[in-house]
Amino acid sequence: MRARFVWISQLIERHGLHNVREPYIKHVEDVLWEIRMKGKDRVSRALYVTVKPKRVVVVRVFVKKTQKRPAEK
């Protein structure tokens, strides 16, 4: 997963944040986006926000255990 995260990060660096889309990047809500990583037997996500046009701050990385997102409260 770490290697996939680095590869997607380099893809963003080369092509620009706004030029990389699904299946690698997906908008979640408001200013929150996710980097989507898939390995042999696991799926991970890295949630990030954009502080400035060329700066990304990763706020959480986790391994998915289910297909669903938690319900909003």
PDB file of N, CA and C in Angstrom:
ATOM      1  N   MET A   1       0.811  -1.189   0.000  1.00  0.00           N
ATOM      2  CA  MET A   1       0.000   0.000   0.000  1.00  0.00           C
ATOM      3  C   MET A   1       0.859   1.260   0.000  1.00  0.00           C
ATOM      4  N   ARG A   2       1.947   1.189   0.734  1.00  0.00           N
ATOM      5  CA  ARG A   2       2.832   2.358   0.793  1.00  0.00           C
ATOM      6  C   ARG A   2       3.394   2.679  -0.586  1.00  0.00           C
ATOM      7  N   ALA A   3       3.787   1.652  -1.318  1.00  0.00           N
ATOM      8  CA  ALA A   3       4.321   1.867  -2.662  1.00  0.00           C
ATOM      9  C   ALA A   3       3.247   2.450  -3.585  1.00  0.00           C
ATOM     10  N   ARG A   4       2.013   2.003  -3.436  1.00  0.00           N
ATOM     11  CA  ARG A   4       0.917   2.524  -4.250  1.00  0.00           C
ATOM     12  C   ARG A   4       0.646   3.994  -3.904  1.00  0.00           C
ATOM     13  N   PHE A   5       0.716   4.337  -2.607  1.00  0.00           N
ATOM     14  CA  PHE A   5       0.538   5.724  -2.170  1.00  0.00           C
ATOM     15  C   PHE A   5       1.610   6.620  -2.785  1.00  0.00           C
ATOM     16  N   VAL A   6       2.855   6.157  -2.762  1.00  0.00           N
ATOM     17  CA  VAL A   6       3.954   6.931  -3.342  1.00  0.00           C
ATOM     18  C   VAL A   6       3.743   7.088  -4.842  1.00  0.00           C
ATOM     19  N   TRP A   7       3.316   6.027  -5.517  1.00  0.00           N
ATOM     20  CA  TRP A   7       3.095   6.088  -6.965  1.00  0.00           C
ATOM     21  C   TRP A   7       2.001   7.093  -7.315  1.00  0.00           C
ATOM     22  N   ILE A   8       0.894   7.077  -6.585  1.00  0.00           N
ATOM     23  CA  ILE A   8      -0.199   8.021  -6.848  1.00  0.00           C
ATOM     24  C   ILE A   8       0.247   9.448  -6.521  1.00  0.00           C
ATOM     25  N   SER A   9       1.027   9.614  -5.462  1.00  0.00           N
ATOM     26  CA  SER A   9       1.555  10.938  -5.112  1.00  0.00           C
ATOM     27  C   SER A   9       2.438  11.483  -6.226  1.00  0.00           C
ATOM     28  N   GLN A  10       3.261  10.640  -6.805  1.00  0.00           N
ATOM     29  CA  GLN A  10       4.115  11.056  -7.914  1.00  0.00           C
ATOM     30  C   GLN A  10       3.279  11.380  -9.152  1.00  0.00           C
ATOM     31  N   LEU A  11       2.210  10.639  -9.356  1.00  0.00           N
ATOM     32  CA  LEU A  11       1.286  10.901 -10.462  1.00  0.00           C
ATOM     33  C   LEU A  11       0.677  12.292 -10.306  1.00  0.00           C
ATOM     34  N   ILE A  12       0.268  12.640  -9.093  1.00  0.00           N
ATOM     35  CA  ILE A  12      -0.285  13.961  -8.805  1.00  0.00           C
ATOM     36  C   ILE A  12       0.775  15.031  -9.031  1.00  0.00           C
ATOM     37  N   GLU A  13       1.990  14.757  -8.584  1.00  0.00           N
ATOM     38  CA  GLU A  13       3.084  15.729  -8.739  1.00  0.00           C
ATOM     39  C   GLU A  13       3.382  16.003 -10.211  1.00  0.00           C
ATOM     40  N   ARG A  14       3.374  14.950 -11.032  1.00  0.00           N
ATOM     41  CA  ARG A  14       3.682  15.091 -12.458  1.00  0.00           C
ATOM     42  C   ARG A  14       2.582  15.777 -13.253  1.00  0.00           C
ATOM     43  N   HIS A  15       1.326  15.387 -12.997  1.00  0.00           N
ATOM     44  CA  HIS A  15       0.215  15.837 -13.831  1.00  0.00           C
ATOM     45  C   HIS A  15      -0.624  16.944 -13.200  1.00  0.00           C
ATOM     46  N   GLY A  16      -0.436  17.219 -11.926  1.00  0.00           N
ATOM     47  CA  GLY A  16      -1.219  18.245 -11.249  1.00  0.00           C
ATOM     48  C   GLY A  16      -2.412  17.651 -10.533  1.00  0.00           C
ATOM     49  N   LEU A  17      -2.752  18.246  -9.430  1.00  0.00           N
ATOM     50  CA  LEU A  17      -3.822  17.749  -8.567  1.00  0.00           C
ATOM     51  C   LEU A  17      -5.169  17.686  -9.280  1.00  0.00           C
ATOM     52  N   HIS A  18      -5.457  18.659 -10.117  1.00  0.00           N
ATOM     53  CA  HIS A  18      -6.764  18.711 -10.768  1.00  0.00           C
ATOM     54  C   HIS A  18      -6.854  17.834 -12.011  1.00  0.00           C
ATOM     55  N   ASN A  19      -5.743  17.246 -12.435  1.00  0.00           N
ATOM     56  CA  ASN A  19      -5.753  16.401 -13.627  1.00  0.00           C
ATOM     57  C   ASN A  19      -5.811  14.913 -13.314  1.00  0.00           C
ATOM     58  N   VAL A  20      -5.707  14.543 -12.051  1.00  0.00           N
ATOM     59  CA  VAL A  20      -5.764  13.130 -11.653  1.00  0.00           C
ATOM     60  C   VAL A  20      -7.147  12.881 -11.040  1.00  0.00           C
ATOM     61  N   ARG A  21      -7.845  11.906 -11.525  1.00  0.00           N
ATOM     62  CA  ARG A  21      -9.209  11.597 -11.056  1.00  0.00           C
ATOM     63  C   ARG A  21      -9.346  10.108 -10.762  1.00  0.00           C
ATOM     64  N   GLU A  22     -10.593   9.648 -10.689  1.00  0.00           N
ATOM     65  CA  GLU A  22     -10.860   8.244 -10.405  1.00  0.00           C
ATOM     66  C   GLU A  22     -10.179   7.370 -11.437  1.00  0.00           C
ATOM     67  N   PRO A  23      -9.668   6.260 -11.072  1.00  0.00           N
ATOM     68  CA  PRO A  23      -9.848   5.530  -9.822  1.00  0.00           C
ATOM     69  C   PRO A  23      -8.851   5.906  -8.719  1.00  0.00           C
ATOM     70  N   TYR A  24      -7.997   6.888  -8.942  1.00  0.00           N
ATOM     71  CA  TYR A  24      -6.947   7.215  -7.966  1.00  0.00           C
ATOM     72  C   TYR A  24      -7.389   8.240  -6.932  1.00  0.00           C
ATOM     73  N   ILE A  25      -8.162   9.227  -7.353  1.00  0.00           N
ATOM     74  CA  ILE A  25      -8.586  10.336  -6.496  1.00  0.00           C
ATOM     75  C   ILE A  25     -10.100  10.460  -6.580  1.00  0.00           C
ATOM     76  N   LYS A  26     -10.737  10.728  -5.436  1.00  0.00           N
ATOM     77  CA  LYS A  26     -12.188  10.936  -5.438  1.00  0.00           C
ATOM     78  C   LYS A  26     -12.551  12.036  -4.448  1.00  0.00           C
ATOM     79  N   HIS A  27     -13.499  12.881  -4.840  1.00  0.00           N
ATOM     80  CA  HIS A  27     -13.986  13.939  -3.963  1.00  0.00           C
ATOM     81  C   HIS A  27     -14.958  13.320  -2.963  1.00  0.00           C
ATOM     82  N   VAL A  28     -14.776  13.621  -1.667  1.00  0.00           N
ATOM     83  CA  VAL A  28     -15.647  13.081  -0.634  1.00  0.00           C
ATOM     84  C   VAL A  28     -16.730  14.089  -0.288  1.00  0.00           C
ATOM     85  N   GLU A  29     -16.325  15.266   0.198  1.00  0.00           N
ATOM     86  CA  GLU A  29     -17.265  16.344   0.484  1.00  0.00           C
ATOM     87  C   GLU A  29     -16.497  17.615   0.778  1.00  0.00           C
ATOM     88  N   ASP A  30     -17.089  18.733   0.465  1.00  0.00           N
ATOM     89  CA  ASP A  30     -16.519  20.053   0.723  1.00  0.00           C
ATOM     90  C   ASP A  30     -15.044  20.112   0.301  1.00  0.00           C
ATOM     91  N   VAL A  31     -14.117  20.268   1.236  1.00  0.00           N
ATOM     92  CA  VAL A  31     -12.687  20.362   0.902  1.00  0.00           C
ATOM     93  C   VAL A  31     -11.962  19.032   1.104  1.00  0.00           C
ATOM     94  N   LEU A  32     -12.705  17.974   1.414  1.00  0.00           N
ATOM     95  CA  LEU A  32     -12.120  16.660   1.711  1.00  0.00           C
ATOM     96  C   LEU A  32     -12.095  15.778   0.469  1.00  0.00           C
ATOM     97  N   TRP A  33     -10.933  15.215   0.184  1.00  0.00           N
ATOM     98  CA  TRP A  33     -10.726  14.319  -0.953  1.00  0.00           C
ATOM     99  C   TRP A  33     -10.077  13.040  -0.439  1.00  0.00           C
ATOM    100  N   GLU A  34     -10.047  11.999  -1.273  1.00  0.00           N
ATOM    101  CA  GLU A  34      -9.381  10.762  -0.869  1.00  0.00           C
ATOM    102  C   GLU A  34      -8.514  10.216  -1.993  1.00  0.00           C
ATOM    103  N   ILE A  35      -7.388   9.649  -1.584  1.00  0.00           N
ATOM    104  CA  ILE A  35      -6.531   8.886  -2.482  1.00  0.00           C
ATOM    105  C   ILE A  35      -6.931   7.433  -2.284  1.00  0.00           C
ATOM    106  N   ARG A  36      -7.252   6.758  -3.370  1.00  0.00           N
ATOM    107  CA  ARG A  36      -7.770   5.390  -3.292  1.00  0.00           C
ATOM    108  C   ARG A  36      -6.678   4.411  -3.703  1.00  0.00           C
ATOM    109  N   MET A  37      -6.314   3.526  -2.780  1.00  0.00           N
ATOM    110  CA  MET A  37      -5.248   2.553  -3.035  1.00  0.00           C
ATOM    111  C   MET A  37      -5.795   1.145  -2.925  1.00  0.00           C
ATOM    112  N   LYS A  38      -5.428   0.307  -3.877  1.00  0.00           N
ATOM    113  CA  LYS A  38      -5.879  -1.079  -3.883  1.00  0.00           C
ATOM    114  C   LYS A  38      -4.663  -1.983  -3.979  1.00  0.00           C
ATOM    115  N   GLY A  39      -4.571  -2.935  -3.057  1.00  0.00           N
ATOM    116  CA  GLY A  39      -3.491  -3.913  -3.063  1.00  0.00           C
ATOM    117  C   GLY A  39      -4.036  -5.271  -3.463  1.00  0.00           C
ATOM    118  N   LYS A  40      -3.259  -6.318  -3.231  1.00  0.00           N
ATOM    119  CA  LYS A  40      -3.702  -7.663  -3.596  1.00  0.00           C
ATOM    120  C   LYS A  40      -4.953  -8.093  -2.842  1.00  0.00           C
ATOM    121  N   ASP A  41      -4.966  -7.850  -1.544  1.00  0.00           N
ATOM    122  CA  ASP A  41      -6.093  -8.320  -0.748  1.00  0.00           C
ATOM    123  C   ASP A  41      -6.708  -7.243   0.146  1.00  0.00           C
ATOM    124  N   ARG A  42      -6.285  -5.994  -0.010  1.00  0.00           N
ATOM    125  CA  ARG A  42      -6.794  -4.916   0.829  1.00  0.00           C
ATOM    126  C   ARG A  42      -7.051  -3.655   0.014  1.00  0.00           C
ATOM    127  N   VAL A  43      -7.896  -2.803   0.582  1.00  0.00           N
ATOM    128  CA  VAL A  43      -8.187  -1.502  -0.004  1.00  0.00           C
ATOM    129  C   VAL A  43      -7.932  -0.465   1.078  1.00  0.00           C
ATOM    130  N   SER A  44      -7.191   0.586   0.741  1.00  0.00           N
ATOM    131  CA  SER A  44      -6.882   1.641   1.699  1.00  0.00           C
ATOM    132  C   SER A  44      -7.304   2.982   1.137  1.00  0.00           C
ATOM    133  N   ARG A  45      -7.464   3.940   2.036  1.00  0.00           N
ATOM    134  CA  ARG A  45      -7.792   5.300   1.662  1.00  0.00           C
ATOM    135  C   ARG A  45      -6.901   6.259   2.437  1.00  0.00           C
ATOM    136  N   ALA A  46      -6.545   7.356   1.810  1.00  0.00           N
ATOM    137  CA  ALA A  46      -5.821   8.446   2.470  1.00  0.00           C
ATOM    138  C   ALA A  46      -6.661   9.695   2.263  1.00  0.00           C
ATOM    139  N   LEU A  47      -7.201  10.233   3.333  1.00  0.00           N
ATOM    140  CA  LEU A  47      -8.017  11.444   3.245  1.00  0.00           C
ATOM    141  C   LEU A  47      -7.111  12.657   3.304  1.00  0.00           C
ATOM    142  N   TYR A  48      -7.394  13.648   2.450  1.00  0.00           N
ATOM    143  CA  TYR A  48      -6.558  14.841   2.429  1.00  0.00           C
ATOM    144  C   TYR A  48      -7.379  16.080   2.135  1.00  0.00           C
ATOM    145  N   VAL A  49      -6.794  17.219   2.473  1.00  0.00           N
ATOM    146  CA  VAL A  49      -7.377  18.519   2.132  1.00  0.00           C
ATOM    147  C   VAL A  49      -6.308  19.303   1.384  1.00  0.00           C
ATOM    148  N   THR A  50      -6.747  20.263   0.581  1.00  0.00           N
ATOM    149  CA  THR A  50      -5.804  21.131  -0.116  1.00  0.00           C
ATOM    150  C   THR A  50      -5.775  22.468   0.613  1.00  0.00           C
ATOM    151  N   VAL A  51      -4.599  22.836   1.101  1.00  0.00           N
ATOM    152  CA  VAL A  51      -4.441  24.082   1.843  1.00  0.00           C
ATOM    153  C   VAL A  51      -4.220  25.236   0.885  1.00  0.00           C
ATOM    154  N   LYS A  52      -3.355  25.033  -0.069  1.00  0.00           N
ATOM    155  CA  LYS A  52      -3.066  26.003  -1.123  1.00  0.00           C
ATOM    156  C   LYS A  52      -3.167  25.244  -2.433  1.00  0.00           C
ATOM    157  N   PRO A  53      -3.204  25.938  -3.551  1.00  0.00           N
ATOM    158  CA  PRO A  53      -3.358  25.220  -4.824  1.00  0.00           C
ATOM    159  C   PRO A  53      -2.327  24.110  -5.063  1.00  0.00           C
ATOM    160  N   LYS A  54      -1.133  24.235  -4.521  1.00  0.00           N
ATOM    161  CA  LYS A  54      -0.110  23.217  -4.755  1.00  0.00           C
ATOM    162  C   LYS A  54       0.331  22.511  -3.481  1.00  0.00           C
ATOM    163  N   ARG A  55      -0.508  22.543  -2.445  1.00  0.00           N
ATOM    164  CA  ARG A  55      -0.147  21.884  -1.189  1.00  0.00           C
ATOM    165  C   ARG A  55      -1.283  20.972  -0.741  1.00  0.00           C
ATOM    166  N   VAL A  56      -0.930  19.719  -0.455  1.00  0.00           N
ATOM    167  CA  VAL A  56      -1.891  18.716  -0.005  1.00  0.00           C
ATOM    168  C   VAL A  56      -1.505  18.294   1.405  1.00  0.00           C
ATOM    169  N   VAL A  57      -2.488  18.220   2.298  1.00  0.00           N
ATOM    170  CA  VAL A  57      -2.239  17.767   3.664  1.00  0.00           C
ATOM    171  C   VAL A  57      -3.045  16.491   3.881  1.00  0.00           C
ATOM    172  N   VAL A  58      -2.346  15.376   4.093  1.00  0.00           N
ATOM    173  CA  VAL A  58      -3.000  14.099   4.359  1.00  0.00           C
ATOM    174  C   VAL A  58      -3.377  14.086   5.837  1.00  0.00           C
ATOM    175  N   VAL A  59      -4.661  13.912   6.123  1.00  0.00           N
ATOM    176  CA  VAL A  59      -5.123  13.978   7.508  1.00  0.00           C
ATOM    177  C   VAL A  59      -5.381  12.610   8.122  1.00  0.00           C
ATOM    178  N   ARG A  60      -5.604  11.589   7.308  1.00  0.00           N
ATOM    179  CA  ARG A  60      -5.825  10.258   7.854  1.00  0.00           C
ATOM    180  C   ARG A  60      -5.619   9.211   6.767  1.00  0.00           C
ATOM    181  N   VAL A  61      -5.019   8.084   7.148  1.00  0.00           N
ATOM    182  CA  VAL A  61      -4.855   6.942   6.253  1.00  0.00           C
ATOM    183  C   VAL A  61      -5.419   5.730   6.980  1.00  0.00           C
ATOM    184  N   PHE A  62      -6.215   4.921   6.279  1.00  0.00           N
ATOM    185  CA  PHE A  62      -6.804   3.752   6.930  1.00  0.00           C
ATOM    186  C   PHE A  62      -7.021   2.635   5.919  1.00  0.00           C
ATOM    187  N   VAL A  63      -7.157   1.411   6.435  1.00  0.00           N
ATOM    188  CA  VAL A  63      -7.460   0.240   5.621  1.00  0.00           C
ATOM    189  C   VAL A  63      -8.959   0.012   5.727  1.00  0.00           C
ATOM    190  N   LYS A  64      -9.607  -0.104   4.589  1.00  0.00           N
ATOM    191  CA  LYS A  64     -11.055  -0.335   4.589  1.00  0.00           C
ATOM    192  C   LYS A  64     -11.347  -1.770   5.008  1.00  0.00           C
ATOM    193  N   LYS A  65     -12.394  -1.939   5.816  1.00  0.00           N
ATOM    194  CA  LYS A  65     -12.803  -3.272   6.252  1.00  0.00           C
ATOM    195  C   LYS A  65     -14.183  -3.623   5.733  1.00  0.00           C
ATOM    196  N   THR A  66     -14.949  -2.613   5.302  1.00  0.00           N
ATOM    197  CA  THR A  66     -16.266  -2.842   4.725  1.00  0.00           C
ATOM    198  C   THR A  66     -16.415  -1.992   3.472  1.00  0.00           C
ATOM    199  N   GLN A  67     -17.465  -2.225   2.723  1.00  0.00           N
ATOM    200  CA  GLN A  67     -17.717  -1.454   1.513  1.00  0.00           C
ATOM    201  C   GLN A  67     -18.394  -0.126   1.810  1.00  0.00           C
ATOM    202  N   LYS A  68     -19.130  -0.043   2.915  1.00  0.00           N
ATOM    203  CA  LYS A  68     -19.933   1.139   3.216  1.00  0.00           C
ATOM    204  C   LYS A  68     -19.147   2.219   3.936  1.00  0.00           C
ATOM    205  N   ARG A  69     -19.558   3.463   3.688  1.00  0.00           N
ATOM    206  CA  ARG A  69     -19.100   4.594   4.501  1.00  0.00           C
ATOM    207  C   ARG A  69     -20.029   4.703   5.681  1.00  0.00           C
ATOM    208  N   PRO A  70     -19.546   5.139   6.834  1.00  0.00           N
ATOM    209  CA  PRO A  70     -20.453   5.298   7.977  1.00  0.00           C
ATOM    210  C   PRO A  70     -21.539   6.323   7.683  1.00  0.00           C
ATOM    211  N   ALA A  71     -22.711   6.116   8.255  1.00  0.00           N
ATOM    212  CA  ALA A  71     -23.817   7.046   8.064  1.00  0.00           C
ATOM    213  C   ALA A  71     -23.496   8.393   8.700  1.00  0.00           C
ATOM    214  N   GLU A  72     -23.951   9.445   8.067  1.00  0.00           N
ATOM    215  CA  GLU A  72     -23.725  10.788   8.617  1.00  0.00           C
ATOM    216  C   GLU A  72     -24.612  10.996   9.827  1.00  0.00           C
ATOM    217  N   LYS A  73     -24.105  11.725  10.809  1.00  0.00           N
ATOM    218  CA  LYS A  73     -24.877  11.966  12.033  1.00  0.00           C
ATOM    219  C   LYS A  73     -25.558  13.296  11.983  1.00  0.00           C
TER     220      LYS A  73
END
